[in-house]
N, C-alpha and C. Protein backbone atom coordinates (compact mmCIF):
# COMPACT_ATOMS: atom_id res chain seq x y z
N UNK A 1 -44.53 -0.68 19.74
CA UNK A 1 -43.68 -2.02 19.71
C UNK A 1 -42.13 -1.80 18.08
N UNK A 2 -41.24 -2.61 19.19
CA UNK A 2 -40.04 -2.15 17.93
C UNK A 2 -40.12 -2.35 17.11
N UNK A 3 -38.44 -1.86 16.47
CA UNK A 3 -38.15 -2.63 15.23
C UNK A 3 -36.63 -3.01 14.60
N UNK A 4 -35.47 -3.69 14.62
CA UNK A 4 -34.40 -4.54 14.34
C UNK A 4 -34.14 -3.94 13.07
N UNK A 5 -33.18 -3.18 12.33
CA UNK A 5 -33.02 -3.38 11.40
C UNK A 5 -31.18 -3.46 10.84
N UNK A 6 -31.29 -4.29 9.72
CA UNK A 6 -29.65 -4.35 10.20
C UNK A 6 -28.27 -4.67 8.14
N UNK A 7 -27.59 -3.97 8.05
CA UNK A 7 -27.26 -3.68 7.82
C UNK A 7 -25.58 -3.75 7.60
N UNK A 8 -24.46 -4.01 6.30
CA UNK A 8 -23.20 -3.70 6.60
C UNK A 8 -22.84 -2.50 6.32
N UNK A 9 -21.73 -2.17 6.81
CA UNK A 9 -21.21 -0.97 6.28
C UNK A 9 -19.68 -1.04 6.45
N UNK A 10 -18.79 0.33 5.57
CA UNK A 10 -17.73 -0.17 5.20
C UNK A 10 -17.66 0.78 6.05
N UNK A 11 -16.38 1.16 6.72
CA UNK A 11 -15.78 2.37 7.32
C UNK A 11 -14.50 2.64 6.34
N UNK A 12 -14.37 3.55 5.86
CA UNK A 12 -12.49 3.88 5.90
C UNK A 12 -12.00 4.61 7.04
N UNK A 13 -11.14 3.51 7.63
CA UNK A 13 -10.65 4.45 8.76
C UNK A 13 -8.88 5.24 8.51
N UNK A 14 -8.69 6.09 8.51
CA UNK A 14 -7.59 7.46 9.26
C UNK A 14 -5.92 6.08 9.24
N UNK A 15 -6.68 6.06 10.52
CA UNK A 15 -5.31 4.66 10.64
C UNK A 15 -5.17 3.15 10.34
N UNK A 16 -6.56 2.16 10.32
CA UNK A 16 -6.72 1.27 10.31
C UNK A 16 -6.83 0.53 8.22
N UNK A 17 -6.97 1.71 7.90
CA UNK A 17 -8.02 1.49 6.21
C UNK A 17 -9.57 0.94 6.76
N UNK A 18 -10.08 0.26 5.72
CA UNK A 18 -11.26 0.48 5.59
C UNK A 18 -11.91 -1.43 6.10
N UNK A 19 -13.04 -0.43 6.83
CA UNK A 19 -13.97 -2.20 8.11
C UNK A 19 -14.71 -1.78 7.63
N UNK A 20 -15.54 -3.54 7.51
CA UNK A 20 -16.19 -3.74 6.83
C UNK A 20 -17.19 -3.63 8.33
N UNK A 21 -18.27 -4.26 9.65
CA UNK A 21 -19.14 -4.19 10.52
C UNK A 21 -20.88 -4.30 9.85
N UNK A 22 -21.06 -4.47 10.48
CA UNK A 22 -22.56 -5.14 10.96
C UNK A 22 -22.92 -3.95 11.75
N UNK A 23 -24.04 -3.74 11.06
CA UNK A 23 -24.98 -2.12 11.84
C UNK A 23 -25.94 -2.69 12.31
N UNK A 24 -26.57 -3.13 13.20
CA UNK A 24 -27.75 -3.06 14.52
C UNK A 24 -28.48 -2.18 14.32
N UNK A 25 -30.08 -1.48 13.77
CA UNK A 25 -30.15 -0.48 14.21
C UNK A 25 -31.32 -1.05 15.05
N UNK A 26 -31.81 -0.86 16.92
CA UNK A 26 -33.03 -1.29 17.36
C UNK A 26 -33.70 -0.41 17.85
N UNK A 27 -35.09 -0.37 17.24
CA UNK A 27 -36.03 1.01 18.04
C UNK A 27 -36.58 0.91 19.48
N UNK A 28 -37.10 1.51 19.65
CA UNK A 28 -37.97 1.52 20.44
C UNK A 28 -39.44 2.07 20.13
N UNK A 29 -40.45 1.76 20.45
CA UNK A 29 -42.26 2.91 20.14
C UNK A 29 -41.63 4.27 20.44
N UNK A 30 -41.61 4.70 19.59
CA UNK A 30 -41.41 5.86 18.59
C UNK A 30 -40.18 6.60 18.25
N UNK A 31 -39.98 8.09 18.44
CA UNK A 31 -39.01 8.18 16.68
C UNK A 31 -38.06 8.03 17.97
N UNK A 32 -37.72 8.26 18.82
CA UNK A 32 -36.75 8.97 20.00
C UNK A 32 -35.55 8.41 20.90
N UNK A 33 -35.70 6.72 19.88
CA UNK A 33 -34.64 6.53 20.70
C UNK A 33 -34.64 5.16 19.92
N UNK A 34 -33.25 5.23 19.84
CA UNK A 34 -32.62 4.26 18.85
C UNK A 34 -31.20 3.35 19.14
N UNK A 35 -30.81 2.17 19.52
CA UNK A 35 -29.57 2.40 19.47
C UNK A 35 -29.00 1.53 18.33
N UNK A 36 -27.45 1.89 17.88
CA UNK A 36 -26.88 1.20 16.48
C UNK A 36 -25.30 0.48 17.32
N UNK A 37 -25.59 -0.82 17.24
CA UNK A 37 -24.63 -1.81 17.44
C UNK A 37 -24.03 -2.00 16.38
N UNK A 38 -22.49 -1.52 16.08
CA UNK A 38 -21.61 -1.51 14.37
C UNK A 38 -20.71 -2.89 15.54
N UNK A 39 -20.56 -4.00 14.70
CA UNK A 39 -19.45 -5.45 14.96
C UNK A 39 -19.15 -6.36 14.40
N UNK A 40 -17.78 -6.53 13.38
CA UNK A 40 -16.83 -7.01 12.77
C UNK A 40 -16.90 -8.61 13.05
N UNK A 41 -17.50 -9.27 12.37
CA UNK A 41 -17.08 -10.90 12.12
C UNK A 41 -16.66 -11.27 12.74
N UNK A 42 -16.95 -12.17 14.06
CA UNK A 42 -15.21 -12.73 14.66
C UNK A 42 -14.36 -13.56 13.91
N UNK A 43 -12.86 -13.30 13.99
CA UNK A 43 -12.14 -13.92 12.85
C UNK A 43 -11.80 -13.27 11.51
N UNK A 44 -12.02 -12.09 11.19
CA UNK A 44 -11.88 -11.82 10.09
C UNK A 44 -11.24 -10.81 10.96
N UNK A 45 -10.48 -10.06 9.39
CA UNK A 45 -9.62 -9.27 9.21
C UNK A 45 -10.27 -7.66 9.94
N UNK A 46 -11.26 -7.27 8.79
CA UNK A 46 -12.44 -6.60 10.32
C UNK A 46 -12.18 -7.04 11.58
N UNK A 47 -12.19 -7.34 12.80
CA UNK A 47 -12.40 -7.57 13.90
C UNK A 47 -10.96 -7.94 13.99
N UNK A 48 -10.06 -7.85 13.57
CA UNK A 48 -8.36 -7.89 13.75
C UNK A 48 -8.54 -5.85 14.14
N UNK A 49 -8.85 -5.57 12.76
CA UNK A 49 -8.67 -3.78 12.88
C UNK A 49 -9.12 -3.41 13.65
N UNK A 50 -10.68 -3.95 14.16
CA UNK A 50 -12.03 -3.38 15.07
C UNK A 50 -11.04 -3.20 16.26
N UNK A 51 -10.08 -3.72 16.60
CA UNK A 51 -9.21 -4.16 18.42
C UNK A 51 -8.25 -3.89 17.84
N UNK A 52 -7.57 -3.41 17.14
CA UNK A 52 -6.73 -2.84 16.95
C UNK A 52 -6.84 -1.14 16.88
N UNK A 53 -8.20 -0.61 16.34
CA UNK A 53 -8.46 0.57 16.58
C UNK A 53 -8.55 0.99 18.51
N UNK A 54 -9.83 -0.23 18.99
CA UNK A 54 -8.88 0.35 20.52
C UNK A 54 -8.51 0.04 21.21
N UNK A 55 -6.64 -0.05 20.35
CA UNK A 55 -6.22 -0.07 21.28
C UNK A 55 -5.07 1.17 21.24
N UNK A 56 -5.42 1.92 19.77
CA UNK A 56 -4.77 3.31 19.30
C UNK A 56 -5.93 3.70 19.49
N UNK A 57 -6.91 3.69 19.97
CA UNK A 57 -7.55 4.92 20.42
C UNK A 57 -7.68 5.64 22.55
N UNK A 58 -6.75 5.08 22.40
CA UNK A 58 -5.92 5.00 23.75
C UNK A 58 -4.46 5.61 24.00
N UNK A 59 -3.98 5.97 23.31
CA UNK A 59 -2.81 5.81 23.27
C UNK A 59 -2.71 7.55 22.44
N UNK A 60 -1.47 8.21 22.48
CA UNK A 60 -0.65 9.12 21.81
C UNK A 60 0.40 9.29 20.71
N UNK A 61 0.02 9.00 19.70
CA UNK A 61 1.05 8.61 18.22
C UNK A 61 1.54 9.68 18.63
N UNK A 62 3.07 9.89 18.72
CA UNK A 62 3.73 11.07 18.52
C UNK A 62 5.35 10.27 17.49
N UNK A 63 5.88 11.05 17.27
CA UNK A 63 7.10 10.65 16.98
C UNK A 63 8.52 10.90 17.16
N UNK A 64 9.22 9.86 17.27
CA UNK A 64 10.35 9.36 18.30
C UNK A 64 11.36 11.17 17.69
N UNK A 65 12.30 11.61 17.79
CA UNK A 65 13.18 12.50 17.50
C UNK A 65 15.28 11.99 17.21
N UNK A 66 14.92 12.28 15.75
CA UNK A 66 16.14 11.18 15.77
C UNK A 66 16.92 10.24 16.68
N UNK A 67 17.59 11.24 17.53
CA UNK A 67 18.66 11.08 18.08
C UNK A 67 18.31 9.67 19.19
N UNK A 68 17.22 10.72 20.05
CA UNK A 68 16.91 8.98 20.22
C UNK A 68 16.43 7.62 19.89
N UNK A 69 15.63 7.70 18.16
CA UNK A 69 15.42 6.40 17.89
C UNK A 69 17.04 5.86 17.44
N UNK A 70 18.12 6.02 17.96
CA UNK A 70 19.47 5.42 18.08
C UNK A 70 19.77 4.67 19.46
N UNK A 71 18.74 4.70 20.20
CA UNK A 71 19.28 3.96 21.32
C UNK A 71 18.89 3.07 21.60
């Protein structure tokens, strides 16, 4: 028989700062398979930071040379 464990974890991310997430661990019979799901409570600052990370993870951030920043 499988099981469910839940916890709340705070992760200090270098780009968005502290993000508090609910961590749900779902397991099935046997020790080798677990699924970990991290979610933020909807409508919170943590949810906004998590959404921002989804965007930041798809972009390469580069500095604009000073000569180009004047345009």
